[in-house]
Protein backbone atom coordinates (compact mmCIF):
# COMPACT_ATOMS: atom_id res chain seq x y z
CA UNK A 1 110.77 188.70 13.75
CA UNK A 2 111.79 190.97 10.90
CA UNK A 3 115.37 192.20 11.27
CA UNK A 4 115.30 194.51 8.25
CA UNK A 5 115.87 198.19 8.99
CA UNK A 6 113.42 200.35 7.08
CA UNK A 7 115.24 203.23 5.39
CA UNK A 8 112.11 205.22 4.54
CA UNK A 9 109.93 206.97 7.11
CA UNK A 10 106.61 205.26 7.85
CA UNK A 11 103.91 205.47 5.20
CA UNK A 12 101.09 207.83 6.10
CA UNK A 13 98.73 207.02 3.23
CA UNK A 14 98.48 205.44 -0.23
CA UNK A 15 96.19 206.90 -2.88
CA UNK A 16 95.23 205.13 -6.08
CA UNK A 17 94.05 207.00 -9.15
CA UNK A 18 93.01 206.30 -12.70
CA UNK A 19 95.97 207.47 -14.80
CA UNK A 20 93.98 208.12 -17.98
CA UNK A 21 91.40 210.30 -16.22
CA UNK A 22 94.09 212.17 -14.28
CA UNK A 23 96.02 212.85 -17.48
CA UNK A 24 92.89 214.16 -19.20
CA UNK A 25 91.95 216.32 -16.22
CA UNK A 26 95.34 217.88 -15.52
CA UNK A 27 97.07 217.88 -18.89
CA UNK A 28 94.65 219.12 -21.52
CA UNK A 29 97.43 219.83 -24.05
CA UNK A 30 98.96 216.36 -23.86
CA UNK A 31 97.07 213.26 -24.98
CA UNK A 32 96.61 210.47 -22.43
CA UNK A 33 99.57 208.10 -22.28
CA UNK A 34 97.27 205.09 -22.60
CA UNK A 35 93.79 204.58 -23.98
CA UNK A 36 92.60 201.94 -21.53
CA UNK A 37 92.05 202.57 -17.83
CA UNK A 38 95.14 201.90 -15.72
CA UNK A 39 95.78 202.64 -12.05
CA UNK A 40 98.82 204.31 -10.50
CA UNK A 41 99.61 205.24 -6.90
CA UNK A 42 100.89 208.13 -4.82
CA UNK A 43 102.46 207.22 -1.49
CA UNK A 44 102.60 209.88 1.24
CA UNK A 45 105.22 209.35 3.95
CA UNK A 46 104.97 210.62 7.52
CA UNK A 47 107.51 213.36 6.77
CA UNK A 48 105.08 214.84 4.20
CA UNK A 49 106.93 213.66 1.11
CA UNK A 50 104.89 212.25 -1.79
CA UNK A 51 106.17 209.69 -4.28
CA UNK A 52 104.41 208.75 -7.50
CA UNK A 53 104.55 205.15 -8.74
CA UNK A 54 103.48 204.38 -12.31
CA UNK A 55 102.16 200.87 -11.74
CA UNK A 56 99.85 200.69 -14.76
CA UNK A 57 97.60 198.04 -13.22
CA UNK A 58 94.13 197.23 -14.59
CA UNK A 59 92.43 197.81 -11.19
CA UNK A 60 93.11 199.09 -7.66
CA UNK A 61 93.73 195.63 -6.21
CA UNK A 62 96.43 194.86 -8.78
CA UNK A 63 97.92 198.31 -8.19
CA UNK A 64 98.24 197.50 -4.47
CA UNK A 65 99.82 194.16 -5.35
CA UNK A 66 102.28 195.98 -7.63
CA UNK A 67 103.34 198.20 -4.72
CA UNK A 68 103.84 195.10 -2.57
CA UNK A 69 105.92 193.38 -5.26
CA UNK A 70 108.17 196.44 -5.46
CA UNK A 71 108.58 196.43 -1.67
CA UNK A 72 106.94 199.83 -1.22
CA UNK A 73 104.22 198.71 1.21
């Protein structure tokens, strides 16, 4: 049994996205922060709040593992 009290509201959804493509699509005046493809995540909590996590993983699976290592999910 886990006795830890979770301080954050429950997670509603986790979205992974390619950081290079997102940077190119939404920030035409700024060059991409990296040249290779890396994955970051946006976590949406049940209260509607979104939090961005710059994981910089080479694929979605490693991005999910990065969130787990940080204790997010």
